[in-house]
């Protein structure tokens, strides 16, 4: 199982939102680059970057920051948030991004998603973000009117190999993952499954591993000291 620390960027700073609410943010660092270096030094083999401003307006805002992280920290990066056209995907991969995360566009435009997959294969992963059982889009601000399991089956047919599932109601709450939904997803797909949202203790990571989850993204629990990155990496290795 892969442990992936998260760096959510808003106004150039590392923040965490509570249940995806842009008005409920906690700032943890003014330097995403220093935070990325910190996670690398603790053993991170991949860093999950979320462009919160980009997700909201539909256009990436942190490309320069990501480029500096790749150059100065030299750790693989996956990034999502506002990535909705081919030119942006191409630019991100050209600067050295390892994996590009698609959200809104993957849900709304299956034809374009297939083109991304045909061009870039496993470098494209899809983020499925649900709130009270409904898939959300555009920075978690709008309902998509698409069902979770039907969408999962559709994108798997298109050729997607990895998905990230986030339960928005759990995200940033330091409670626990939505195990019921995660088990349902696991039963309905052979794609690699990465989980985010609500992870707050190492024992929860152990339970996710037992469900055959392929990776977990941890944010607030790391920033608040609930989980030590070195320990949890060692725990699942």
C-alpha atoms as a PDB file:
ATOM      1  CA  UNK A   1       0.000   0.000   0.000  1.00  0.00           C
ATOM      2  CA  UNK A   2       1.236   3.456  -0.933  1.00  0.00           C
ATOM      3  CA  UNK A   3       1.097   6.289   1.618  1.00  0.00           C
ATOM      4  CA  UNK A   4       0.753   9.672  -0.061  1.00  0.00           C
ATOM      5  CA  UNK A   5       0.938  12.934   1.932  1.00  0.00           C
ATOM      6  CA  UNK A   6      -1.234  15.751   0.656  1.00  0.00           C
ATOM      7  CA  UNK A   7      -0.405  19.365  -0.025  1.00  0.00           C
ATOM      8  CA  UNK A   8      -3.524  21.421  -0.691  1.00  0.00           C
ATOM      9  CA  UNK A   9      -2.661  24.860  -2.044  1.00  0.00           C
ATOM     10  CA  UNK A  10      -4.861  27.954  -1.743  1.00  0.00           C
ATOM     11  CA  UNK A  11      -3.535  31.457  -2.348  1.00  0.00           C
ATOM     12  CA  UNK A  12      -0.035  29.984  -2.540  1.00  0.00           C
ATOM     13  CA  UNK A  13      -0.185  28.464   0.961  1.00  0.00           C
ATOM     14  CA  UNK A  14      -0.608  24.949   2.369  1.00  0.00           C
ATOM     15  CA  UNK A  15      -4.099  24.672   3.799  1.00  0.00           C
ATOM     16  CA  UNK A  16      -6.677  22.099   4.807  1.00  0.00           C
ATOM     17  CA  UNK A  17     -10.385  22.616   4.290  1.00  0.00           C
ATOM     18  CA  UNK A  18     -13.120  21.198   6.502  1.00  0.00           C
ATOM     19  CA  UNK A  19     -15.491  19.025   4.432  1.00  0.00           C
ATOM     20  CA  UNK A  20     -14.404  20.840   1.288  1.00  0.00           C
ATOM     21  CA  UNK A  21     -15.687  24.202   2.524  1.00  0.00           C
ATOM     22  CA  UNK A  22     -13.552  27.012   1.092  1.00  0.00           C
ATOM     23  CA  UNK A  23     -14.634  29.245   3.978  1.00  0.00           C
ATOM     24  CA  UNK A  24     -13.335  26.802   6.582  1.00  0.00           C
ATOM     25  CA  UNK A  25      -9.607  26.631   6.012  1.00  0.00           C
ATOM     26  CA  UNK A  26      -6.615  26.155   8.274  1.00  0.00           C
ATOM     27  CA  UNK A  27      -3.249  27.418   7.046  1.00  0.00           C
ATOM     28  CA  UNK A  28      -0.354  25.120   7.946  1.00  0.00           C
ATOM     29  CA  UNK A  29       2.505  26.617   5.961  1.00  0.00           C
ATOM     30  CA  UNK A  30       3.247  29.551   3.704  1.00  0.00           C
ATOM     31  CA  UNK A  31       5.649  27.411   1.661  1.00  0.00           C
ATOM     32  CA  UNK A  32       4.408  24.358  -0.256  1.00  0.00           C
ATOM     33  CA  UNK A  33       8.016  23.713  -1.323  1.00  0.00           C
ATOM     34  CA  UNK A  34       9.244  23.456   2.277  1.00  0.00           C
ATOM     35  CA  UNK A  35       6.315  21.199   3.123  1.00  0.00           C
ATOM     36  CA  UNK A  36       7.095  18.944   0.178  1.00  0.00           C
ATOM     37  CA  UNK A  37      10.718  18.717   1.350  1.00  0.00           C
ATOM     38  CA  UNK A  38       9.501  17.812   4.822  1.00  0.00           C
ATOM     39  CA  UNK A  39       7.380  14.938   3.495  1.00  0.00           C
ATOM     40  CA  UNK A  40      10.209  13.733   1.294  1.00  0.00           C
ATOM     41  CA  UNK A  41      12.594  13.692   4.254  1.00  0.00           C
ATOM     42  CA  UNK A  42      10.077  11.573   6.140  1.00  0.00           C
ATOM     43  CA  UNK A  43      10.029   8.980   3.383  1.00  0.00           C
ATOM     44  CA  UNK A  44       7.318  10.051   0.944  1.00  0.00           C
ATOM     45  CA  UNK A  45       7.660   8.411  -2.468  1.00  0.00           C
ATOM     46  CA  UNK A  46       4.811  10.445  -3.968  1.00  0.00           C
ATOM     47  CA  UNK A  47       3.146  13.735  -3.017  1.00  0.00           C
ATOM     48  CA  UNK A  48      -0.484  14.547  -3.731  1.00  0.00           C
ATOM     49  CA  UNK A  49      -0.983  18.201  -4.704  1.00  0.00           C
ATOM     50  CA  UNK A  50      -4.414  19.802  -4.900  1.00  0.00           C
ATOM     51  CA  UNK A  51      -4.835  23.164  -6.584  1.00  0.00           C
ATOM     52  CA  UNK A  52      -7.867  24.458  -4.687  1.00  0.00           C
ATOM     53  CA  UNK A  53      -8.025  27.759  -6.532  1.00  0.00           C
ATOM     54  CA  UNK A  54      -7.717  25.962  -9.842  1.00  0.00           C
ATOM     55  CA  UNK A  55     -10.493  23.546  -8.948  1.00  0.00           C
ATOM     56  CA  UNK A  56     -12.801  26.426  -8.145  1.00  0.00           C
ATOM     57  CA  UNK A  57     -12.231  28.485 -11.284  1.00  0.00           C
ATOM     58  CA  UNK A  58     -11.452  25.675 -13.731  1.00  0.00           C
ATOM     59  CA  UNK A  59      -7.885  26.656 -14.577  1.00  0.00           C
ATOM     60  CA  UNK A  60      -4.658  25.562 -12.783  1.00  0.00           C
ATOM     61  CA  UNK A  61      -3.054  28.246 -10.622  1.00  0.00           C
ATOM     62  CA  UNK A  62      -0.040  26.456  -9.144  1.00  0.00           C
ATOM     63  CA  UNK A  63       1.993  25.275 -12.115  1.00  0.00           C
ATOM     64  CA  UNK A  64       4.992  27.446 -11.118  1.00  0.00           C
ATOM     65  CA  UNK A  65       4.902  26.095  -7.563  1.00  0.00           C
ATOM     66  CA  UNK A  66       4.671  22.506  -8.767  1.00  0.00           C
ATOM     67  CA  UNK A  67       7.576  23.076 -11.144  1.00  0.00           C
ATOM     68  CA  UNK A  68       9.696  24.325  -8.221  1.00  0.00           C
ATOM     69  CA  UNK A  69       8.741  21.323  -6.085  1.00  0.00           C
ATOM     70  CA  UNK A  70       9.768  18.935  -8.841  1.00  0.00           C
ATOM     71  CA  UNK A  71      13.068  20.780  -9.373  1.00  0.00           C
ATOM     72  CA  UNK A  72      14.046  21.544  -5.771  1.00  0.00           C
ATOM     73  CA  UNK A  73      12.560  18.593  -3.905  1.00  0.00           C
ATOM     74  CA  UNK A  74      12.862  15.952  -6.617  1.00  0.00           C
ATOM     75  CA  UNK A  75       9.958  13.764  -5.535  1.00  0.00           C
ATOM     76  CA  UNK A  76       7.206  12.411  -7.822  1.00  0.00           C
ATOM     77  CA  UNK A  77       4.107  14.587  -7.881  1.00  0.00           C
ATOM     78  CA  UNK A  78       0.490  13.881  -8.718  1.00  0.00           C
ATOM     79  CA  UNK A  79      -1.718  16.924  -9.126  1.00  0.00           C
ATOM     80  CA  UNK A  80      -5.391  17.708  -9.498  1.00  0.00           C
ATOM     81  CA  UNK A  81      -7.593  20.775  -9.528  1.00  0.00           C
ATOM     82  CA  UNK A  82      -8.973  22.641 -12.528  1.00  0.00           C
ATOM     83  CA  UNK A  83      -7.350  20.379 -15.136  1.00  0.00           C
ATOM     84  CA  UNK A  84      -9.930  20.309 -17.900  1.00  0.00           C
ATOM     85  CA  UNK A  85      -8.169  20.357 -21.258  1.00  0.00           C
ATOM     86  CA  UNK A  86      -5.459  18.572 -23.191  1.00  0.00           C
ATOM     87  CA  UNK A  87      -2.991  21.470 -23.330  1.00  0.00           C
ATOM     88  CA  UNK A  88      -2.855  21.722 -19.528  1.00  0.00           C
ATOM     89  CA  UNK A  89      -2.301  17.976 -19.145  1.00  0.00           C
ATOM     90  CA  UNK A  90       0.486  18.123 -21.707  1.00  0.00           C
ATOM     91  CA  UNK A  91       2.148  21.072 -19.934  1.00  0.00           C
ATOM     92  CA  UNK A  92       2.018  19.385 -16.524  1.00  0.00           C
ATOM     93  CA  UNK A  93       3.569  16.189 -17.855  1.00  0.00           C
ATOM     94  CA  UNK A  94       6.245  18.179 -19.681  1.00  0.00           C
ATOM     95  CA  UNK A  95       7.382  19.887 -16.456  1.00  0.00           C
ATOM     96  CA  UNK A  96       7.748  16.494 -14.801  1.00  0.00           C
ATOM     97  CA  UNK A  97       4.438  15.718 -13.087  1.00  0.00           C
ATOM     98  CA  UNK A  98       4.158  11.951 -12.606  1.00  0.00           C
ATOM     99  CA  UNK A  99       0.367  11.618 -12.619  1.00  0.00           C
ATOM    100  CA  UNK A 100      -2.393  14.031 -13.601  1.00  0.00           C
ATOM    101  CA  UNK A 101      -5.687  13.811 -11.726  1.00  0.00           C
ATOM    102  CA  UNK A 102      -8.890  14.512 -13.601  1.00  0.00           C
ATOM    103  CA  UNK A 103     -12.154  15.199 -11.806  1.00  0.00           C
ATOM    104  CA  UNK A 104     -14.926  17.251 -13.374  1.00  0.00           C
ATOM    105  CA  UNK A 105     -13.931  16.607 -16.981  1.00  0.00           C
ATOM    106  CA  UNK A 106     -13.691  12.853 -16.398  1.00  0.00           C
ATOM    107  CA  UNK A 107     -17.272  12.790 -15.155  1.00  0.00           C
ATOM    108  CA  UNK A 108     -18.745  15.129 -17.757  1.00  0.00           C
ATOM    109  CA  UNK A 109     -16.919  14.146 -20.939  1.00  0.00           C
ATOM    110  CA  UNK A 110     -16.216  10.440 -21.474  1.00  0.00           C
ATOM    111  CA  UNK A 111     -15.019  11.022 -25.028  1.00  0.00           C
ATOM    112  CA  UNK A 112     -12.341  13.464 -23.906  1.00  0.00           C
ATOM    113  CA  UNK A 113     -11.380  11.166 -21.027  1.00  0.00           C
ATOM    114  CA  UNK A 114     -10.795   8.369 -23.525  1.00  0.00           C
ATOM    115  CA  UNK A 115      -8.546  10.658 -25.569  1.00  0.00           C
ATOM    116  CA  UNK A 116      -6.498  11.441 -22.450  1.00  0.00           C
ATOM    117  CA  UNK A 117      -6.167   7.723 -21.701  1.00  0.00           C
ATOM    118  CA  UNK A 118      -5.245   6.872 -25.290  1.00  0.00           C
ATOM    119  CA  UNK A 119      -2.500   9.509 -25.215  1.00  0.00           C
ATOM    120  CA  UNK A 120      -1.105   9.160 -21.704  1.00  0.00           C
ATOM    121  CA  UNK A 121      -2.312   5.847 -20.257  1.00  0.00           C
ATOM    122  CA  UNK A 122      -1.487   5.289 -16.576  1.00  0.00           C
ATOM    123  CA  UNK A 123      -0.323   8.886 -16.170  1.00  0.00           C
ATOM    124  CA  UNK A 124      -4.006   9.843 -16.054  1.00  0.00           C
ATOM    125  CA  UNK A 125      -5.958   9.030 -12.899  1.00  0.00           C
ATOM    126  CA  UNK A 126      -9.510   9.994 -11.996  1.00  0.00           C
ATOM    127  CA  UNK A 127     -10.733  11.538  -8.767  1.00  0.00           C
ATOM    128  CA  UNK A 128     -14.263  10.641  -7.690  1.00  0.00           C
ATOM    129  CA  UNK A 129     -15.450  12.888  -4.886  1.00  0.00           C
ATOM    130  CA  UNK A 130     -18.744  12.093  -3.180  1.00  0.00           C
ATOM    131  CA  UNK A 131     -20.879  13.882  -0.625  1.00  0.00           C
ATOM    132  CA  UNK A 132     -23.777  12.025   0.966  1.00  0.00           C
ATOM    133  CA  UNK A 133     -23.496   9.439  -1.790  1.00  0.00           C
ATOM    134  CA  UNK A 134     -23.580  11.936  -4.680  1.00  0.00           C
ATOM    135  CA  UNK A 135     -20.648  12.684  -6.965  1.00  0.00           C
ATOM    136  CA  UNK A 136     -19.567  16.316  -6.819  1.00  0.00           C
ATOM    137  CA  UNK A 137     -17.680  18.461  -9.356  1.00  0.00           C
ATOM    138  CA  UNK A 138     -16.017  21.855  -9.857  1.00  0.00           C
ATOM    139  CA  UNK A 139     -14.049  21.917  -6.637  1.00  0.00           C
ATOM    140  CA  UNK A 140     -16.719  19.943  -4.748  1.00  0.00           C
ATOM    141  CA  UNK A 141     -19.076  22.898  -5.152  1.00  0.00           C
ATOM    142  CA  UNK A 142     -21.693  21.394  -7.497  1.00  0.00           C
ATOM    143  CA  UNK A 143     -23.602  18.123  -7.721  1.00  0.00           C
ATOM    144  CA  UNK A 144     -22.823  16.125 -10.833  1.00  0.00           C
ATOM    145  CA  UNK A 145     -26.046  14.078 -11.052  1.00  0.00           C
ATOM    146  CA  UNK A 146     -23.931  10.990 -11.834  1.00  0.00           C
ATOM    147  CA  UNK A 147     -24.015   7.840  -9.707  1.00  0.00           C
ATOM    148  CA  UNK A 148     -20.796   6.610  -8.093  1.00  0.00           C
ATOM    149  CA  UNK A 149     -20.821   2.944  -9.109  1.00  0.00           C
ATOM    150  CA  UNK A 150     -22.143   3.479 -12.679  1.00  0.00           C
ATOM    151  CA  UNK A 151     -19.443   6.123 -13.189  1.00  0.00           C
ATOM    152  CA  UNK A 152     -16.757   3.775 -11.878  1.00  0.00           C
ATOM    153  CA  UNK A 153     -17.828   1.043 -14.291  1.00  0.00           C
ATOM    154  CA  UNK A 154     -17.927   3.477 -17.196  1.00  0.00           C
ATOM    155  CA  UNK A 155     -14.461   4.912 -16.680  1.00  0.00           C
ATOM    156  CA  UNK A 156     -12.996   1.447 -16.177  1.00  0.00           C
ATOM    157  CA  UNK A 157     -14.357   0.451 -19.593  1.00  0.00           C
ATOM    158  CA  UNK A 158     -12.729   3.558 -21.056  1.00  0.00           C
ATOM    159  CA  UNK A 159      -9.360   2.356 -19.756  1.00  0.00           C
ATOM    160  CA  UNK A 160      -8.714   4.236 -16.519  1.00  0.00           C
ATOM    161  CA  UNK A 161      -6.342   2.231 -14.302  1.00  0.00           C
ATOM    162  CA  UNK A 162      -6.399   4.210 -11.034  1.00  0.00           C
ATOM    163  CA  UNK A 163      -9.064   6.141  -9.151  1.00  0.00           C
ATOM    164  CA  UNK A 164      -8.998   8.312  -6.040  1.00  0.00           C
ATOM    165  CA  UNK A 165     -12.127   8.180  -3.905  1.00  0.00           C
ATOM    166  CA  UNK A 166     -12.812  10.960  -1.415  1.00  0.00           C
ATOM    167  CA  UNK A 167     -15.760  11.116   0.931  1.00  0.00           C
ATOM    168  CA  UNK A 168     -16.122  14.893   1.214  1.00  0.00           C
ATOM    169  CA  UNK A 169     -18.168  14.686   4.415  1.00  0.00           C
ATOM    170  CA  UNK A 170     -15.188  12.982   6.091  1.00  0.00           C
ATOM    171  CA  UNK A 171     -12.439  15.109   4.557  1.00  0.00           C
ATOM    172  CA  UNK A 172     -10.605  17.262   7.081  1.00  0.00           C
ATOM    173  CA  UNK A 173     -12.713  15.951   9.967  1.00  0.00           C
ATOM    174  CA  UNK A 174     -10.204  13.569  11.595  1.00  0.00           C
ATOM    175  CA  UNK A 175     -12.958  10.982  12.062  1.00  0.00           C
ATOM    176  CA  UNK A 176     -12.653   7.835   9.944  1.00  0.00           C
ATOM    177  CA  UNK A 177     -12.985   6.734   6.320  1.00  0.00           C
ATOM    178  CA  UNK A 178     -16.342   5.669   4.919  1.00  0.00           C
ATOM    179  CA  UNK A 179     -15.574   1.939   4.980  1.00  0.00           C
ATOM    180  CA  UNK A 180     -18.988   0.918   3.634  1.00  0.00           C
ATOM    181  CA  UNK A 181     -18.587   2.960   0.457  1.00  0.00           C
ATOM    182  CA  UNK A 182     -14.968   1.878   0.069  1.00  0.00           C
ATOM    183  CA  UNK A 183     -15.880  -1.807   0.304  1.00  0.00           C
ATOM    184  CA  UNK A 184     -18.652  -1.283  -2.255  1.00  0.00           C
ATOM    185  CA  UNK A 185     -16.220   0.358  -4.657  1.00  0.00           C
ATOM    186  CA  UNK A 186     -13.640  -2.391  -4.151  1.00  0.00           C
ATOM    187  CA  UNK A 187     -16.238  -5.020  -5.039  1.00  0.00           C
ATOM    188  CA  UNK A 188     -17.197  -3.193  -8.229  1.00  0.00           C
ATOM    189  CA  UNK A 189     -13.843  -2.473  -9.842  1.00  0.00           C
ATOM    190  CA  UNK A 190     -10.435  -3.933 -10.583  1.00  0.00           C
ATOM    191  CA  UNK A 191      -8.887  -0.484 -10.938  1.00  0.00           C
ATOM    192  CA  UNK A 192      -6.294   0.589  -8.390  1.00  0.00           C
ATOM    193  CA  UNK A 193      -8.107   2.334  -5.553  1.00  0.00           C
ATOM    194  CA  UNK A 194      -6.647   5.218  -3.566  1.00  0.00           C
ATOM    195  CA  UNK A 195      -8.609   6.563  -0.610  1.00  0.00           C
ATOM    196  CA  UNK A 196      -8.751  10.063   0.885  1.00  0.00           C
ATOM    197  CA  UNK A 197     -10.894  11.662   3.536  1.00  0.00           C
ATOM    198  CA  UNK A 198     -11.200  11.146   7.282  1.00  0.00           C
ATOM    199  CA  UNK A 199      -8.046   9.123   7.893  1.00  0.00           C
ATOM    200  CA  UNK A 200      -6.795  10.010  11.368  1.00  0.00           C
ATOM    201  CA  UNK A 201      -5.124   6.947  12.951  1.00  0.00           C
ATOM    202  CA  UNK A 202      -2.712   4.240  11.830  1.00  0.00           C
ATOM    203  CA  UNK A 203      -5.240   1.509  12.717  1.00  0.00           C
ATOM    204  CA  UNK A 204      -7.577   2.956  10.086  1.00  0.00           C
ATOM    205  CA  UNK A 205      -4.841   2.559   7.499  1.00  0.00           C
ATOM    206  CA  UNK A 206      -4.496  -1.067   8.575  1.00  0.00           C
ATOM    207  CA  UNK A 207      -8.229  -1.591   8.061  1.00  0.00           C
ATOM    208  CA  UNK A 208      -8.048  -0.026   4.598  1.00  0.00           C
ATOM    209  CA  UNK A 209      -5.183  -2.344   3.727  1.00  0.00           C
ATOM    210  CA  UNK A 210      -7.374  -5.300   4.717  1.00  0.00           C
ATOM    211  CA  UNK A 211      -9.998  -4.053   2.219  1.00  0.00           C
ATOM    212  CA  UNK A 212      -7.281  -4.263  -0.475  1.00  0.00           C
ATOM    213  CA  UNK A 213      -6.989  -0.536  -0.956  1.00  0.00           C
ATOM    214  CA  UNK A 214      -3.906   0.297  -3.038  1.00  0.00           C
ATOM    215  CA  UNK A 215      -3.072   3.635  -1.464  1.00  0.00           C
ATOM    216  CA  UNK A 216      -4.153   6.286   1.018  1.00  0.00           C
ATOM    217  CA  UNK A 217      -3.815  10.037   0.850  1.00  0.00           C
ATOM    218  CA  UNK A 218      -3.300  11.592   4.272  1.00  0.00           C
ATOM    219  CA  UNK A 219      -3.589  15.303   4.939  1.00  0.00           C
ATOM    220  CA  UNK A 220      -4.830  16.852   8.162  1.00  0.00           C
ATOM    221  CA  UNK A 221      -3.792  13.898  10.343  1.00  0.00           C
ATOM    222  CA  UNK A 222      -0.172  14.508   9.326  1.00  0.00           C
ATOM    223  CA  UNK A 223      -0.368  18.266   9.834  1.00  0.00           C
ATOM    224  CA  UNK A 224      -2.019  17.858  13.238  1.00  0.00           C
ATOM    225  CA  UNK A 225       0.442  15.177  14.378  1.00  0.00           C
ATOM    226  CA  UNK A 226      -2.174  12.432  14.654  1.00  0.00           C
ATOM    227  CA  UNK A 227      -0.138  10.252  12.289  1.00  0.00           C
ATOM    228  CA  UNK A 228       3.641  10.221  11.826  1.00  0.00           C
ATOM    229  CA  UNK A 229       4.535   9.740   8.171  1.00  0.00           C
ATOM    230  CA  UNK A 230       7.670   7.682   8.835  1.00  0.00           C
ATOM    231  CA  UNK A 231       5.754   5.372  11.169  1.00  0.00           C
ATOM    232  CA  UNK A 232       2.797   4.787   8.883  1.00  0.00           C
ATOM    233  CA  UNK A 233       5.036   4.096   5.885  1.00  0.00           C
ATOM    234  CA  UNK A 234       6.952   1.546   7.939  1.00  0.00           C
ATOM    235  CA  UNK A 235       3.685   0.137   9.283  1.00  0.00           C
ATOM    236  CA  UNK A 236       2.317  -0.834   5.861  1.00  0.00           C
ATOM    237  CA  UNK A 237       5.561  -1.815   4.171  1.00  0.00           C
END
